[in-house]
Amino acid sequence: MLDFKYMAIEVVNETSYEFDELEFVQLAVFTLKKMFVSPDSDLDIKFVNSEFIAKLHNDYLEIPGPTDVMSFPMDELKPGKKEKPAAAGVLGDIVICPEVAAKQADNAGHSYIDEMLLLEVHSILHLLGFDHMEKKEKKIMFDLQRTILMEFLAAK
């Protein structure tokens, strides 16, 4: 089992939305542990307002308007295996917009916290090289994110 006591995960909430930041750290650790990422890796998670994420969305993807989450990989880490965990590095940054997540949660019939937890797992998988542009990739990624989130919530 990997020891995550040294993993650096920073969570910054720049919004008026309230939630337990520790839960997001715990989910990140749980997800990275499942993906056999080195405990010496770093990850930053920032919660921002819709104006800020809209600017990022336009600046980086040239798409106007806010989005729910964006991922900014740094060292392009890949998942490891139990026998050989991934090398240490900086996973990157995750930027989540609670305002957009809350709207999506209303449409899906669950809480904005649950939506943001899903977005976090989704983004960590993106930072580890997963994508959902093609049907086969989408099934793999979405099945994995669902499994990780369900296991995390069941273990709470």
C-alpha atoms as a PDB file:
ATOM      1  CA  MET A   1       0.000   0.000   0.000  1.00  0.00           C
ATOM      2  CA  LEU A   2       1.286   3.465  -0.844  1.00  0.00           C
ATOM      3  CA  ASP A   3       1.974   5.934   1.966  1.00  0.00           C
ATOM      4  CA  PHE A   4       0.374   9.288   1.151  1.00  0.00           C
ATOM      5  CA  LYS A   5       1.397  11.274   4.194  1.00  0.00           C
ATOM      6  CA  TYR A   6       3.855  13.310   2.131  1.00  0.00           C
ATOM      7  CA  MET A   7       1.652  13.993  -0.906  1.00  0.00           C
ATOM      8  CA  ALA A   8       1.140  17.733  -1.369  1.00  0.00           C
ATOM      9  CA  ILE A   9      -2.480  18.476  -2.247  1.00  0.00           C
ATOM     10  CA  GLU A  10      -3.546  22.069  -1.933  1.00  0.00           C
ATOM     11  CA  VAL A  11      -7.211  23.060  -1.999  1.00  0.00           C
ATOM     12  CA  VAL A  12      -8.115  26.740  -2.327  1.00  0.00           C
ATOM     13  CA  ASN A  13     -11.706  27.980  -2.257  1.00  0.00           C
ATOM     14  CA  GLU A  14     -12.036  31.461  -3.771  1.00  0.00           C
ATOM     15  CA  THR A  15     -15.853  31.361  -3.813  1.00  0.00           C
ATOM     16  CA  SER A  16     -18.708  31.913  -1.372  1.00  0.00           C
ATOM     17  CA  TYR A  17     -19.730  28.248  -1.667  1.00  0.00           C
ATOM     18  CA  GLU A  18     -19.119  26.303   1.518  1.00  0.00           C
ATOM     19  CA  PHE A  19     -17.891  22.734   1.661  1.00  0.00           C
ATOM     20  CA  ASP A  20     -15.433  20.544   3.536  1.00  0.00           C
ATOM     21  CA  GLU A  21     -12.099  21.096   1.779  1.00  0.00           C
ATOM     22  CA  LEU A  22     -10.659  18.077   3.592  1.00  0.00           C
ATOM     23  CA  GLU A  23     -13.133  15.818   1.755  1.00  0.00           C
ATOM     24  CA  PHE A  24     -11.639  16.955  -1.540  1.00  0.00           C
ATOM     25  CA  VAL A  25      -8.118  16.250  -0.278  1.00  0.00           C
ATOM     26  CA  GLN A  26      -9.247  12.796   0.862  1.00  0.00           C
ATOM     27  CA  LEU A  27     -10.851  12.076  -2.511  1.00  0.00           C
ATOM     28  CA  ALA A  28      -7.699  13.173  -4.339  1.00  0.00           C
ATOM     29  CA  VAL A  29      -5.552  10.912  -2.165  1.00  0.00           C
ATOM     30  CA  PHE A  30      -8.001   8.031  -2.631  1.00  0.00           C
ATOM     31  CA  THR A  31      -8.049   8.499  -6.418  1.00  0.00           C
ATOM     32  CA  LEU A  32      -4.282   8.835  -6.759  1.00  0.00           C
ATOM     33  CA  LYS A  33      -3.775   5.808  -4.549  1.00  0.00           C
ATOM     34  CA  LYS A  34      -6.145   3.804  -6.788  1.00  0.00           C
ATOM     35  CA  MET A  35      -4.115   4.933  -9.806  1.00  0.00           C
ATOM     36  CA  PHE A  36      -0.809   4.025  -8.105  1.00  0.00           C
ATOM     37  CA  VAL A  37       0.617   7.534  -8.339  1.00  0.00           C
ATOM     38  CA  SER A  38       3.718   8.231  -6.264  1.00  0.00           C
ATOM     39  CA  PRO A  39       3.012   9.712  -2.826  1.00  0.00           C
ATOM     40  CA  ASP A  40       5.672  12.335  -3.603  1.00  0.00           C
ATOM     41  CA  SER A  41       3.448  13.953  -6.240  1.00  0.00           C
ATOM     42  CA  ASP A  42       1.757  17.356  -6.078  1.00  0.00           C
ATOM     43  CA  LEU A  43      -1.748  18.472  -7.021  1.00  0.00           C
ATOM     44  CA  ASP A  44      -3.530  21.815  -6.718  1.00  0.00           C
ATOM     45  CA  ILE A  45      -7.316  22.171  -6.693  1.00  0.00           C
ATOM     46  CA  LYS A  46      -8.868  25.607  -6.927  1.00  0.00           C
ATOM     47  CA  PHE A  47     -12.552  26.541  -6.672  1.00  0.00           C
ATOM     48  CA  VAL A  48     -13.349  29.731  -8.572  1.00  0.00           C
ATOM     49  CA  ASN A  49     -16.280  31.879  -9.649  1.00  0.00           C
ATOM     50  CA  SER A  50     -17.890  31.711 -13.085  1.00  0.00           C
ATOM     51  CA  GLU A  51     -16.173  34.864 -14.348  1.00  0.00           C
ATOM     52  CA  PHE A  52     -12.723  33.497 -13.583  1.00  0.00           C
ATOM     53  CA  ILE A  53     -13.326  30.104 -15.199  1.00  0.00           C
ATOM     54  CA  ALA A  54     -14.984  31.776 -18.203  1.00  0.00           C
ATOM     55  CA  LYS A  55     -11.760  33.743 -18.748  1.00  0.00           C
ATOM     56  CA  LEU A  56      -9.672  30.543 -18.498  1.00  0.00           C
ATOM     57  CA  HIS A  57     -12.091  28.755 -20.829  1.00  0.00           C
ATOM     58  CA  ASN A  58     -11.742  31.499 -23.418  1.00  0.00           C
ATOM     59  CA  ASP A  59      -7.983  32.024 -22.968  1.00  0.00           C
ATOM     60  CA  TYR A  60      -7.009  28.338 -23.170  1.00  0.00           C
ATOM     61  CA  LEU A  61      -9.714  26.723 -25.293  1.00  0.00           C
ATOM     62  CA  GLU A  62     -11.098  29.754 -27.134  1.00  0.00           C
ATOM     63  CA  ILE A  63     -14.609  28.807 -25.987  1.00  0.00           C
ATOM     64  CA  PRO A  64     -16.690  31.659 -24.550  1.00  0.00           C
ATOM     65  CA  GLY A  65     -18.563  31.315 -21.277  1.00  0.00           C
ATOM     66  CA  PRO A  66     -18.006  29.418 -18.056  1.00  0.00           C
ATOM     67  CA  THR A  67     -17.484  25.679 -17.763  1.00  0.00           C
ATOM     68  CA  ASP A  68     -17.654  23.291 -14.820  1.00  0.00           C
ATOM     69  CA  VAL A  69     -14.009  22.234 -14.576  1.00  0.00           C
ATOM     70  CA  MET A  70     -10.671  22.587 -16.315  1.00  0.00           C
ATOM     71  CA  SER A  71      -7.508  20.527 -15.921  1.00  0.00           C
ATOM     72  CA  PHE A  72      -3.979  21.793 -16.466  1.00  0.00           C
ATOM     73  CA  PRO A  73      -1.463  18.920 -16.538  1.00  0.00           C
ATOM     74  CA  MET A  74       2.156  19.649 -15.684  1.00  0.00           C
ATOM     75  CA  ASP A  75       4.454  16.620 -15.776  1.00  0.00           C
ATOM     76  CA  GLU A  76       2.133  14.428 -17.870  1.00  0.00           C
ATOM     77  CA  LEU A  77       2.157  11.635 -15.307  1.00  0.00           C
ATOM     78  CA  LYS A  78       0.517   8.317 -16.152  1.00  0.00           C
ATOM     79  CA  PRO A  79      -1.091   5.788 -13.806  1.00  0.00           C
ATOM     80  CA  GLY A  80       1.230   3.201 -12.310  1.00  0.00           C
ATOM     81  CA  LYS A  81       0.687  -0.382 -11.288  1.00  0.00           C
ATOM     82  CA  LYS A  82       0.664  -1.992  -7.870  1.00  0.00           C
ATOM     83  CA  GLU A  83       4.080  -3.537  -8.582  1.00  0.00           C
ATOM     84  CA  LYS A  84       5.457  -0.303 -10.048  1.00  0.00           C
ATOM     85  CA  PRO A  85       3.860   2.979  -8.923  1.00  0.00           C
ATOM     86  CA  ALA A  86       4.113   5.947 -11.263  1.00  0.00           C
ATOM     87  CA  ALA A  87       7.091   8.248 -10.873  1.00  0.00           C
ATOM     88  CA  ALA A  88       6.746  11.299  -8.651  1.00  0.00           C
ATOM     89  CA  GLY A  89       5.932  14.641 -10.186  1.00  0.00           C
ATOM     90  CA  VAL A  90       3.535  17.523 -10.393  1.00  0.00           C
ATOM     91  CA  LEU A  91       0.165  16.321 -11.656  1.00  0.00           C
ATOM     92  CA  GLY A  92      -1.022  19.846 -12.304  1.00  0.00           C
ATOM     93  CA  ASP A  93      -3.960  22.054 -11.461  1.00  0.00           C
ATOM     94  CA  ILE A  94      -7.692  21.450 -11.338  1.00  0.00           C
ATOM     95  CA  VAL A  95     -10.024  24.455 -11.476  1.00  0.00           C
ATOM     96  CA  ILE A  96     -13.656  23.827 -10.494  1.00  0.00           C
ATOM     97  CA  CYS A  97     -16.558  26.275 -10.689  1.00  0.00           C
ATOM     98  CA  PRO A  98     -19.118  25.514  -7.936  1.00  0.00           C
ATOM     99  CA  GLU A  99     -21.675  27.820  -9.571  1.00  0.00           C
ATOM    100  CA  VAL A 100     -21.719  25.780 -12.793  1.00  0.00           C
ATOM    101  CA  ALA A 101     -21.505  22.538 -10.798  1.00  0.00           C
ATOM    102  CA  ALA A 102     -24.571  23.584  -8.784  1.00  0.00           C
ATOM    103  CA  LYS A 103     -26.609  24.115 -11.961  1.00  0.00           C
ATOM    104  CA  GLN A 104     -25.536  20.730 -13.300  1.00  0.00           C
ATOM    105  CA  ALA A 105     -26.327  19.102  -9.956  1.00  0.00           C
ATOM    106  CA  ASP A 106     -29.841  20.561  -9.992  1.00  0.00           C
ATOM    107  CA  ASN A 107     -30.416  19.078 -13.449  1.00  0.00           C
ATOM    108  CA  ALA A 108     -29.015  15.696 -12.343  1.00  0.00           C
ATOM    109  CA  GLY A 109     -30.904  15.634  -9.049  1.00  0.00           C
ATOM    110  CA  HIS A 110     -28.008  15.543  -6.614  1.00  0.00           C
ATOM    111  CA  SER A 111     -26.018  18.004  -4.480  1.00  0.00           C
ATOM    112  CA  TYR A 112     -23.423  20.412  -5.779  1.00  0.00           C
ATOM    113  CA  ILE A 113     -20.918  18.724  -3.466  1.00  0.00           C
ATOM    114  CA  ASP A 114     -21.504  15.374  -5.187  1.00  0.00           C
ATOM    115  CA  GLU A 115     -21.149  17.078  -8.561  1.00  0.00           C
ATOM    116  CA  MET A 116     -17.861  18.702  -7.550  1.00  0.00           C
ATOM    117  CA  LEU A 117     -16.535  15.389  -6.213  1.00  0.00           C
ATOM    118  CA  LEU A 118     -17.321  13.806  -9.582  1.00  0.00           C
ATOM    119  CA  LEU A 119     -15.626  16.691 -11.391  1.00  0.00           C
ATOM    120  CA  GLU A 120     -12.541  16.253  -9.225  1.00  0.00           C
ATOM    121  CA  VAL A 121     -12.172  12.554 -10.080  1.00  0.00           C
ATOM    122  CA  HIS A 122     -12.855  13.336 -13.738  1.00  0.00           C
ATOM    123  CA  SER A 123     -10.132  15.979 -13.751  1.00  0.00           C
ATOM    124  CA  ILE A 124      -7.569  13.828 -11.963  1.00  0.00           C
ATOM    125  CA  LEU A 125      -8.101  11.181 -14.635  1.00  0.00           C
ATOM    126  CA  HIS A 126      -7.539  13.853 -17.297  1.00  0.00           C
ATOM    127  CA  LEU A 127      -4.293  14.843 -15.556  1.00  0.00           C
ATOM    128  CA  LEU A 128      -3.248  11.183 -15.771  1.00  0.00           C
ATOM    129  CA  GLY A 129      -3.830  11.058 -19.527  1.00  0.00           C
ATOM    130  CA  PHE A 130      -7.385   9.740 -19.759  1.00  0.00           C
ATOM    131  CA  ASP A 131      -9.728  11.281 -22.307  1.00  0.00           C
ATOM    132  CA  HIS A 132     -13.267  10.857 -23.595  1.00  0.00           C
ATOM    133  CA  MET A 133     -13.136  12.104 -27.170  1.00  0.00           C
ATOM    134  CA  GLU A 134     -13.728   8.666 -28.653  1.00  0.00           C
ATOM    135  CA  LYS A 135     -16.489   6.248 -27.644  1.00  0.00           C
ATOM    136  CA  LYS A 136     -14.096   3.558 -26.327  1.00  0.00           C
ATOM    137  CA  GLU A 137     -12.022   6.108 -24.354  1.00  0.00           C
ATOM    138  CA  LYS A 138     -15.192   7.627 -22.911  1.00  0.00           C
ATOM    139  CA  LYS A 139     -16.473   4.275 -21.651  1.00  0.00           C
ATOM    140  CA  ILE A 140     -13.131   3.467 -19.996  1.00  0.00           C
ATOM    141  CA  MET A 141     -12.811   6.888 -18.361  1.00  0.00           C
ATOM    142  CA  PHE A 142     -16.419   7.231 -17.236  1.00  0.00           C
ATOM    143  CA  ASP A 143     -16.545   3.672 -15.850  1.00  0.00           C
ATOM    144  CA  LEU A 144     -13.325   4.310 -13.936  1.00  0.00           C
ATOM    145  CA  GLN A 145     -14.462   7.653 -12.501  1.00  0.00           C
ATOM    146  CA  ARG A 146     -17.794   6.149 -11.439  1.00  0.00           C
ATOM    147  CA  THR A 147     -16.052   3.194  -9.750  1.00  0.00           C
ATOM    148  CA  ILE A 148     -13.547   5.409  -7.923  1.00  0.00           C
ATOM    149  CA  LEU A 149     -16.214   7.817  -6.691  1.00  0.00           C
ATOM    150  CA  MET A 150     -18.581   5.046  -5.580  1.00  0.00           C
ATOM    151  CA  GLU A 151     -15.777   3.277  -3.679  1.00  0.00           C
ATOM    152  CA  PHE A 152     -14.747   6.540  -2.030  1.00  0.00           C
ATOM    153  CA  LEU A 153     -18.286   7.394  -0.956  1.00  0.00           C
ATOM    154  CA  ALA A 154     -18.877   3.841   0.301  1.00  0.00           C
ATOM    155  CA  ALA A 155     -15.693   3.996   2.401  1.00  0.00           C
ATOM    156  CA  LYS A 156     -16.683   7.259   4.147  1.00  0.00           C
END
